[in-house]
N, C-alpha and C. Protein backbone atom coordinates (compact mmCIF):
# COMPACT_ATOMS: atom_id res chain seq x y z
N MET A 1 17.54 -0.38 -3.44
CA MET A 1 17.67 -1.82 -3.46
C MET A 1 17.33 -2.31 -4.86
N SER A 2 18.15 -3.20 -5.40
CA SER A 2 17.85 -3.76 -6.71
C SER A 2 16.86 -4.91 -6.56
N LEU A 3 16.30 -5.31 -7.69
CA LEU A 3 15.29 -6.36 -7.68
C LEU A 3 15.91 -7.68 -7.25
N LEU A 4 15.36 -8.26 -6.21
CA LEU A 4 15.82 -9.55 -5.70
C LEU A 4 15.15 -10.66 -6.47
N ASP A 5 15.80 -11.82 -6.57
CA ASP A 5 15.06 -12.94 -7.14
C ASP A 5 14.10 -13.48 -6.08
N GLU A 6 13.16 -14.32 -6.48
CA GLU A 6 12.10 -14.75 -5.57
C GLU A 6 12.62 -15.61 -4.41
N LYS A 7 13.73 -16.29 -4.60
CA LYS A 7 14.33 -17.06 -3.50
C LYS A 7 14.82 -16.12 -2.41
N ASP A 8 15.51 -15.04 -2.80
CA ASP A 8 15.97 -14.04 -1.84
C ASP A 8 14.80 -13.33 -1.17
N LEU A 9 13.74 -13.04 -1.96
CA LEU A 9 12.55 -12.40 -1.42
C LEU A 9 11.93 -13.28 -0.33
N ASN A 10 11.83 -14.58 -0.57
CA ASN A 10 11.27 -15.49 0.43
C ASN A 10 12.13 -15.54 1.68
N GLU A 11 13.45 -15.49 1.52
CA GLU A 11 14.34 -15.49 2.67
C GLU A 11 14.16 -14.22 3.51
N ILE A 12 14.02 -13.09 2.85
CA ILE A 12 13.82 -11.82 3.56
C ILE A 12 12.49 -11.83 4.29
N VAL A 13 11.43 -12.32 3.63
CA VAL A 13 10.11 -12.39 4.26
C VAL A 13 10.17 -13.30 5.49
N HIS A 14 10.84 -14.44 5.37
CA HIS A 14 10.97 -15.36 6.51
C HIS A 14 11.75 -14.69 7.66
N GLU A 15 12.82 -13.99 7.31
CA GLU A 15 13.65 -13.32 8.32
C GLU A 15 12.85 -12.23 9.05
N ILE A 16 12.09 -11.42 8.30
CA ILE A 16 11.27 -10.37 8.91
C ILE A 16 10.18 -10.98 9.77
N SER A 17 9.62 -12.09 9.32
CA SER A 17 8.58 -12.78 10.09
C SER A 17 9.12 -13.25 11.44
N MET A 18 10.30 -13.80 11.44
CA MET A 18 10.90 -14.28 12.70
C MET A 18 11.28 -13.11 13.60
N ARG A 19 11.81 -12.05 13.02
CA ARG A 19 12.28 -10.92 13.82
C ARG A 19 11.13 -10.13 14.46
N PHE A 20 10.07 -9.84 13.70
CA PHE A 20 9.01 -8.99 14.20
C PHE A 20 7.81 -9.74 14.77
N PHE A 21 7.58 -10.98 14.32
CA PHE A 21 6.41 -11.73 14.75
C PHE A 21 6.77 -12.95 15.61
N GLY A 22 8.04 -13.37 15.55
CA GLY A 22 8.46 -14.55 16.31
C GLY A 22 7.84 -15.84 15.78
N LYS A 23 7.39 -15.82 14.54
CA LYS A 23 6.75 -16.97 13.92
C LYS A 23 7.33 -17.16 12.53
N PRO A 24 7.46 -18.40 12.07
CA PRO A 24 8.01 -18.62 10.73
C PRO A 24 6.97 -18.35 9.63
N PHE A 25 7.47 -18.02 8.46
CA PHE A 25 6.64 -17.86 7.27
C PHE A 25 6.85 -19.11 6.43
N TYR A 26 5.83 -19.96 6.37
CA TYR A 26 5.97 -21.25 5.71
C TYR A 26 5.62 -21.23 4.22
N ASP A 27 4.89 -20.24 3.80
CA ASP A 27 4.34 -20.27 2.46
C ASP A 27 5.21 -19.52 1.46
N ASN A 28 4.59 -18.93 0.45
CA ASN A 28 5.32 -18.40 -0.68
C ASN A 28 5.17 -16.89 -0.81
N ALA A 29 6.25 -16.20 -1.16
CA ALA A 29 6.23 -14.78 -1.50
C ALA A 29 6.74 -14.67 -2.93
N ILE A 30 5.97 -13.99 -3.77
CA ILE A 30 6.32 -13.87 -5.18
C ILE A 30 6.17 -12.43 -5.63
N TYR A 31 6.73 -12.13 -6.81
CA TYR A 31 6.53 -10.83 -7.43
C TYR A 31 5.32 -10.91 -8.36
N ASN A 32 4.54 -9.84 -8.38
CA ASN A 32 3.43 -9.72 -9.32
C ASN A 32 3.62 -8.41 -10.07
N HIS A 33 4.02 -8.50 -11.31
CA HIS A 33 4.32 -7.31 -12.11
C HIS A 33 3.06 -6.56 -12.53
N ARG A 34 1.88 -7.14 -12.32
CA ARG A 34 0.64 -6.47 -12.69
C ARG A 34 0.13 -5.53 -11.60
N LEU A 35 0.69 -5.60 -10.39
CA LEU A 35 0.26 -4.69 -9.32
C LEU A 35 0.65 -3.26 -9.70
N ARG A 36 -0.30 -2.32 -9.54
CA ARG A 36 -0.03 -0.94 -9.93
C ARG A 36 -0.17 0.05 -8.78
N THR A 37 -1.20 -0.12 -7.97
CA THR A 37 -1.49 0.90 -6.95
C THR A 37 -1.13 0.47 -5.55
N THR A 38 -0.53 -0.68 -5.37
CA THR A 38 -0.21 -1.15 -4.03
C THR A 38 1.17 -1.78 -4.02
N GLY A 39 1.78 -1.79 -2.85
CA GLY A 39 3.11 -2.36 -2.71
C GLY A 39 3.09 -3.88 -2.61
N GLY A 40 2.00 -4.42 -2.14
CA GLY A 40 1.88 -5.87 -2.02
C GLY A 40 0.48 -6.26 -1.65
N ARG A 41 0.20 -7.55 -1.69
CA ARG A 41 -1.10 -8.05 -1.25
C ARG A 41 -0.96 -9.49 -0.78
N TYR A 42 -1.88 -9.86 0.11
CA TYR A 42 -1.92 -11.22 0.63
C TYR A 42 -3.13 -11.91 0.04
N ILE A 43 -2.94 -13.11 -0.50
CA ILE A 43 -4.04 -13.87 -1.09
C ILE A 43 -4.34 -15.05 -0.16
N PRO A 44 -5.44 -14.96 0.61
CA PRO A 44 -5.75 -16.00 1.60
C PRO A 44 -5.96 -17.39 1.00
N ALA A 45 -6.59 -17.49 -0.17
CA ALA A 45 -6.88 -18.79 -0.77
C ALA A 45 -5.60 -19.56 -1.11
N LYS A 46 -4.56 -18.84 -1.49
CA LYS A 46 -3.27 -19.47 -1.83
C LYS A 46 -2.25 -19.36 -0.70
N ARG A 47 -2.57 -18.54 0.31
CA ARG A 47 -1.62 -18.22 1.39
C ARG A 47 -0.31 -17.71 0.80
N THR A 48 -0.44 -16.78 -0.12
CA THR A 48 0.70 -16.23 -0.85
C THR A 48 0.76 -14.72 -0.66
N ILE A 49 1.97 -14.23 -0.49
CA ILE A 49 2.20 -12.78 -0.47
C ILE A 49 2.75 -12.40 -1.83
N GLU A 50 2.08 -11.44 -2.47
CA GLU A 50 2.55 -10.92 -3.75
C GLU A 50 3.13 -9.53 -3.52
N MET A 51 4.27 -9.28 -4.10
CA MET A 51 4.95 -7.99 -3.94
C MET A 51 5.05 -7.30 -5.29
N ASN A 52 4.93 -5.96 -5.26
CA ASN A 52 5.10 -5.15 -6.45
C ASN A 52 6.61 -4.92 -6.64
N PRO A 53 7.19 -5.41 -7.75
CA PRO A 53 8.64 -5.27 -7.93
C PRO A 53 9.12 -3.83 -8.06
N LYS A 54 8.22 -2.91 -8.46
CA LYS A 54 8.62 -1.50 -8.59
C LYS A 54 9.02 -0.91 -7.24
N TYR A 55 8.43 -1.42 -6.15
CA TYR A 55 8.74 -0.88 -4.83
C TYR A 55 10.17 -1.26 -4.40
N THR A 56 10.70 -2.35 -4.92
CA THR A 56 12.07 -2.71 -4.57
C THR A 56 13.07 -1.85 -5.33
N SER A 57 12.69 -1.39 -6.52
CA SER A 57 13.64 -0.61 -7.31
C SER A 57 13.51 0.91 -7.06
N GLU A 58 12.31 1.39 -6.70
CA GLU A 58 12.11 2.83 -6.55
C GLU A 58 12.21 3.33 -5.11
N PHE A 59 12.22 2.42 -4.13
CA PHE A 59 12.27 2.84 -2.73
C PHE A 59 13.45 2.18 -2.01
N ASP A 60 13.70 2.66 -0.80
CA ASP A 60 14.77 2.08 0.02
C ASP A 60 14.26 0.83 0.74
N ASP A 61 15.17 0.20 1.47
CA ASP A 61 14.85 -1.05 2.19
C ASP A 61 13.76 -0.84 3.22
N GLU A 62 13.71 0.32 3.85
CA GLU A 62 12.75 0.58 4.92
C GLU A 62 11.30 0.48 4.43
N GLU A 63 11.03 1.02 3.25
CA GLU A 63 9.68 0.95 2.67
C GLU A 63 9.31 -0.50 2.35
N LEU A 64 10.25 -1.24 1.78
CA LEU A 64 10.01 -2.65 1.44
C LEU A 64 9.73 -3.47 2.70
N ILE A 65 10.49 -3.24 3.75
CA ILE A 65 10.29 -3.96 5.01
C ILE A 65 8.92 -3.63 5.59
N GLY A 66 8.50 -2.37 5.48
CA GLY A 66 7.17 -1.98 5.96
C GLY A 66 6.06 -2.70 5.21
N ILE A 67 6.19 -2.81 3.90
CA ILE A 67 5.19 -3.51 3.09
C ILE A 67 5.15 -4.99 3.47
N ILE A 68 6.30 -5.59 3.64
CA ILE A 68 6.36 -7.01 4.01
C ILE A 68 5.73 -7.22 5.39
N LYS A 69 6.03 -6.34 6.34
CA LYS A 69 5.42 -6.45 7.68
C LYS A 69 3.91 -6.35 7.61
N HIS A 70 3.39 -5.43 6.79
CA HIS A 70 1.95 -5.26 6.63
C HIS A 70 1.32 -6.56 6.09
N GLU A 71 1.93 -7.12 5.06
CA GLU A 71 1.38 -8.36 4.47
C GLU A 71 1.52 -9.54 5.42
N LEU A 72 2.57 -9.55 6.22
CA LEU A 72 2.73 -10.63 7.22
C LEU A 72 1.67 -10.52 8.32
N CYS A 73 1.21 -9.32 8.61
CA CYS A 73 0.10 -9.17 9.57
C CYS A 73 -1.13 -9.89 9.03
N HIS A 74 -1.44 -9.68 7.74
CA HIS A 74 -2.55 -10.40 7.12
C HIS A 74 -2.33 -11.91 7.22
N TYR A 75 -1.12 -12.34 6.86
CA TYR A 75 -0.79 -13.76 6.80
C TYR A 75 -0.93 -14.44 8.16
N HIS A 76 -0.27 -13.92 9.17
CA HIS A 76 -0.26 -14.59 10.48
C HIS A 76 -1.65 -14.62 11.12
N LEU A 77 -2.41 -13.53 10.96
CA LEU A 77 -3.77 -13.52 11.51
C LEU A 77 -4.66 -14.52 10.76
N HIS A 78 -4.50 -14.64 9.46
CA HIS A 78 -5.29 -15.60 8.68
C HIS A 78 -4.95 -17.03 9.10
N VAL A 79 -3.67 -17.32 9.26
CA VAL A 79 -3.24 -18.66 9.66
C VAL A 79 -3.79 -19.02 11.05
N GLU A 80 -3.87 -18.02 11.94
CA GLU A 80 -4.37 -18.25 13.29
C GLU A 80 -5.89 -18.22 13.37
N GLY A 81 -6.57 -17.91 12.27
CA GLY A 81 -8.03 -17.88 12.26
C GLY A 81 -8.62 -16.62 12.89
N LYS A 82 -7.84 -15.57 12.94
CA LYS A 82 -8.31 -14.30 13.50
C LYS A 82 -8.68 -13.35 12.37
N GLY A 83 -9.20 -12.17 12.73
CA GLY A 83 -9.60 -11.18 11.74
C GLY A 83 -8.39 -10.59 11.04
N PHE A 84 -8.24 -10.86 9.75
CA PHE A 84 -7.03 -10.43 9.02
C PHE A 84 -7.32 -9.34 8.00
N ARG A 85 -8.56 -8.86 7.93
CA ARG A 85 -8.89 -7.80 6.97
C ARG A 85 -8.59 -6.42 7.56
N HIS A 86 -8.50 -5.42 6.69
CA HIS A 86 -8.11 -4.07 7.13
C HIS A 86 -8.99 -3.49 8.22
N GLY A 87 -10.27 -3.77 8.21
CA GLY A 87 -11.18 -3.20 9.20
C GLY A 87 -11.24 -3.95 10.51
N ASP A 88 -10.64 -5.12 10.59
CA ASP A 88 -10.73 -5.96 11.80
C ASP A 88 -9.85 -5.42 12.92
N ARG A 89 -10.36 -5.51 14.15
CA ARG A 89 -9.64 -5.02 15.32
C ARG A 89 -8.32 -5.77 15.51
N ASP A 90 -8.32 -7.11 15.31
CA ASP A 90 -7.09 -7.89 15.45
C ASP A 90 -6.01 -7.37 14.52
N PHE A 91 -6.40 -7.06 13.29
CA PHE A 91 -5.44 -6.58 12.30
C PHE A 91 -4.85 -5.23 12.72
N LYS A 92 -5.71 -4.32 13.14
CA LYS A 92 -5.23 -2.99 13.56
C LYS A 92 -4.30 -3.09 14.76
N ASN A 93 -4.63 -3.97 15.70
CA ASN A 93 -3.79 -4.14 16.89
C ASN A 93 -2.43 -4.71 16.53
N LEU A 94 -2.39 -5.70 15.61
CA LEU A 94 -1.12 -6.29 15.21
C LEU A 94 -0.27 -5.30 14.42
N LEU A 95 -0.91 -4.48 13.59
CA LEU A 95 -0.15 -3.43 12.88
C LEU A 95 0.57 -2.52 13.87
N LYS A 96 -0.17 -2.11 14.89
CA LYS A 96 0.39 -1.21 15.90
C LYS A 96 1.51 -1.90 16.69
N ALA A 97 1.28 -3.16 17.07
CA ALA A 97 2.26 -3.89 17.88
C ALA A 97 3.57 -4.13 17.14
N THR A 98 3.50 -4.33 15.83
CA THR A 98 4.71 -4.62 15.06
C THR A 98 5.29 -3.38 14.39
N GLY A 99 4.62 -2.24 14.52
CA GLY A 99 5.10 -1.02 13.88
C GLY A 99 4.97 -1.06 12.37
N SER A 100 3.97 -1.76 11.87
CA SER A 100 3.76 -1.88 10.43
C SER A 100 2.93 -0.71 9.92
N PRO A 101 3.21 -0.27 8.71
CA PRO A 101 2.44 0.85 8.16
C PRO A 101 1.03 0.42 7.74
N ARG A 102 0.09 1.34 7.83
CA ARG A 102 -1.29 1.04 7.40
C ARG A 102 -1.37 1.08 5.87
N HIS A 103 -0.65 2.00 5.24
CA HIS A 103 -0.62 2.13 3.79
C HIS A 103 0.82 2.32 3.35
N CYS A 104 1.11 1.95 2.10
CA CYS A 104 2.45 2.20 1.57
C CYS A 104 2.48 3.54 0.87
N SER A 105 3.65 4.08 0.70
CA SER A 105 3.82 5.36 0.01
C SER A 105 3.53 5.18 -1.48
N PRO A 106 2.99 6.20 -2.13
CA PRO A 106 2.77 6.09 -3.58
C PRO A 106 4.11 6.07 -4.32
N LEU A 107 4.14 5.35 -5.43
CA LEU A 107 5.36 5.28 -6.23
C LEU A 107 5.72 6.65 -6.79
N PRO A 108 6.99 7.03 -6.78
CA PRO A 108 7.38 8.30 -7.39
C PRO A 108 7.01 8.37 -8.87
N SER A 109 7.10 7.25 -9.57
CA SER A 109 6.74 7.23 -10.99
C SER A 109 5.25 7.43 -11.20
N ALA A 110 4.42 7.03 -10.22
CA ALA A 110 2.96 7.20 -10.34
C ALA A 110 2.55 8.62 -9.98
N GLU A 111 3.34 9.33 -9.18
CA GLU A 111 3.01 10.70 -8.77
C GLU A 111 2.95 11.64 -9.98
N LYS A 112 3.76 11.37 -10.99
CA LYS A 112 3.83 12.25 -12.15
C LYS A 112 2.64 12.05 -13.09
N ARG A 113 1.83 11.05 -12.83
CA ARG A 113 0.72 10.69 -13.69
C ARG A 113 -0.40 11.72 -13.71
N PHE A 114 -0.61 12.41 -12.60
CA PHE A 114 -1.75 13.31 -12.48
C PHE A 114 -1.52 14.58 -13.28
N LYS A 115 -2.50 14.90 -14.14
CA LYS A 115 -2.40 16.08 -14.98
C LYS A 115 -3.21 17.25 -14.44
N HIS A 116 -4.23 16.96 -13.62
CA HIS A 116 -5.14 17.99 -13.15
C HIS A 116 -5.24 17.96 -11.62
N ILE A 117 -5.18 19.13 -11.01
CA ILE A 117 -5.31 19.24 -9.56
C ILE A 117 -6.44 20.21 -9.27
N TYR A 118 -7.34 19.79 -8.38
CA TYR A 118 -8.49 20.60 -7.98
C TYR A 118 -8.45 20.77 -6.47
N ILE A 119 -8.85 21.95 -6.01
CA ILE A 119 -8.85 22.26 -4.58
C ILE A 119 -10.25 22.73 -4.19
N CYS A 120 -10.71 22.26 -3.03
CA CYS A 120 -12.01 22.70 -2.52
C CYS A 120 -11.85 24.10 -1.93
N LYS A 121 -12.72 25.01 -2.32
CA LYS A 121 -12.68 26.39 -1.79
C LYS A 121 -13.00 26.42 -0.30
N ASN A 122 -13.84 25.48 0.15
CA ASN A 122 -14.33 25.49 1.52
C ASN A 122 -13.33 24.86 2.49
N CYS A 123 -12.97 23.58 2.25
CA CYS A 123 -12.13 22.86 3.23
C CYS A 123 -10.67 22.73 2.80
N GLY A 124 -10.37 23.04 1.52
CA GLY A 124 -8.99 22.99 1.06
C GLY A 124 -8.51 21.61 0.66
N HIS A 125 -9.40 20.61 0.62
CA HIS A 125 -8.99 19.25 0.23
C HIS A 125 -8.50 19.27 -1.22
N VAL A 126 -7.42 18.54 -1.50
CA VAL A 126 -6.80 18.52 -2.82
C VAL A 126 -7.19 17.23 -3.53
N TYR A 127 -7.62 17.35 -4.77
CA TYR A 127 -7.97 16.21 -5.62
C TYR A 127 -7.01 16.19 -6.80
N ARG A 128 -6.33 15.05 -7.00
CA ARG A 128 -5.42 14.88 -8.13
C ARG A 128 -6.11 13.93 -9.11
N ARG A 129 -6.23 14.35 -10.35
CA ARG A 129 -6.95 13.55 -11.33
C ARG A 129 -6.17 13.46 -12.63
N VAL A 130 -6.29 12.32 -13.30
CA VAL A 130 -5.70 12.14 -14.61
C VAL A 130 -6.59 12.83 -15.64
N ARG A 131 -7.90 12.71 -15.48
CA ARG A 131 -8.86 13.33 -16.41
C ARG A 131 -9.42 14.62 -15.81
N ARG A 132 -9.91 15.50 -16.71
CA ARG A 132 -10.52 16.74 -16.25
C ARG A 132 -11.84 16.46 -15.55
N VAL A 133 -12.21 17.34 -14.64
CA VAL A 133 -13.46 17.24 -13.90
C VAL A 133 -14.35 18.42 -14.31
N ASN A 134 -15.63 18.13 -14.55
CA ASN A 134 -16.59 19.18 -14.87
C ASN A 134 -16.93 19.91 -13.57
N LEU A 135 -16.42 21.11 -13.40
CA LEU A 135 -16.57 21.86 -12.16
C LEU A 135 -18.01 22.33 -11.92
N ALA A 136 -18.81 22.40 -12.97
CA ALA A 136 -20.21 22.78 -12.81
C ALA A 136 -21.04 21.61 -12.26
N LYS A 137 -20.52 20.40 -12.43
CA LYS A 137 -21.27 19.20 -12.07
C LYS A 137 -20.82 18.59 -10.74
N TYR A 138 -19.54 18.66 -10.42
CA TYR A 138 -19.00 17.97 -9.25
C TYR A 138 -18.65 18.93 -8.13
N ARG A 139 -18.79 18.43 -6.89
CA ARG A 139 -18.49 19.18 -5.68
C ARG A 139 -17.47 18.38 -4.86
N CYS A 140 -17.01 18.98 -3.78
CA CYS A 140 -16.09 18.31 -2.85
C CYS A 140 -16.80 17.13 -2.18
N GLY A 141 -16.13 15.99 -2.13
CA GLY A 141 -16.71 14.81 -1.50
C GLY A 141 -16.67 14.87 0.01
N LYS A 142 -15.90 15.77 0.57
CA LYS A 142 -15.78 15.88 2.03
C LYS A 142 -16.82 16.83 2.62
N CYS A 143 -16.97 18.01 1.97
CA CYS A 143 -17.82 19.05 2.57
C CYS A 143 -18.86 19.61 1.61
N ARG A 144 -18.91 19.10 0.38
CA ARG A 144 -19.84 19.58 -0.65
C ARG A 144 -19.50 20.99 -1.13
N GLY A 145 -18.28 21.45 -0.87
CA GLY A 145 -17.86 22.78 -1.29
C GLY A 145 -17.54 22.83 -2.78
N GLU A 146 -17.34 24.05 -3.28
CA GLU A 146 -17.05 24.25 -4.70
C GLU A 146 -15.58 23.92 -4.98
N LEU A 147 -15.32 23.28 -6.12
CA LEU A 147 -13.97 22.94 -6.53
C LEU A 147 -13.44 23.98 -7.51
N VAL A 148 -12.12 24.27 -7.42
CA VAL A 148 -11.47 25.16 -8.37
C VAL A 148 -10.19 24.48 -8.85
N ARG A 149 -9.79 24.81 -10.07
CA ARG A 149 -8.54 24.25 -10.62
C ARG A 149 -7.34 24.93 -9.97
N ASP A 150 -6.31 24.13 -9.73
CA ASP A 150 -5.05 24.69 -9.26
C ASP A 150 -4.26 25.10 -10.49
N ASN A 151 -4.06 26.37 -10.67
CA ASN A 151 -3.45 26.88 -11.90
C ASN A 151 -1.97 26.54 -12.03
N LYS A 152 -1.33 26.19 -10.91
CA LYS A 152 0.10 25.85 -10.96
C LYS A 152 0.32 24.57 -11.76
N LYS A 153 -0.57 23.58 -11.61
CA LYS A 153 -0.38 22.28 -12.25
C LYS A 153 -1.43 22.04 -13.33
N GLY A 154 -2.73 22.08 -12.95
CA GLY A 154 -3.81 21.68 -13.84
C GLY A 154 -4.26 22.82 -14.61
């Protein structure tokens, strides 16, 4: 999908809101080019949904719709005065009811960023890092096991 202008983005958000939630989206959806690690975010003080424009150019429509549904869960629960944060039961229930994803997929362009990969000897958990890790100083955060470099990548 190519980058939509903000008028088209608002129309799509309104359409998804009506289709999956049965409620209109009255406020604003905009692009935020400064977003790096997330597909979108909801700002309660402004009642605005901000979308990462890279997700419209690097992914298909299905991923974009999932991100919009996730942000609309925040929006509709906030408007209704219910728990709209990630840890709230209302939010988790609405995610499940609408088939919205809990997290968005990482950008393909961001995947190439990691230069070092470390694996826990004990539990096998994989750590991807931009910077090197001092293996004498750090342990696995899950099981406290010893970390080793993955020689294929790092």
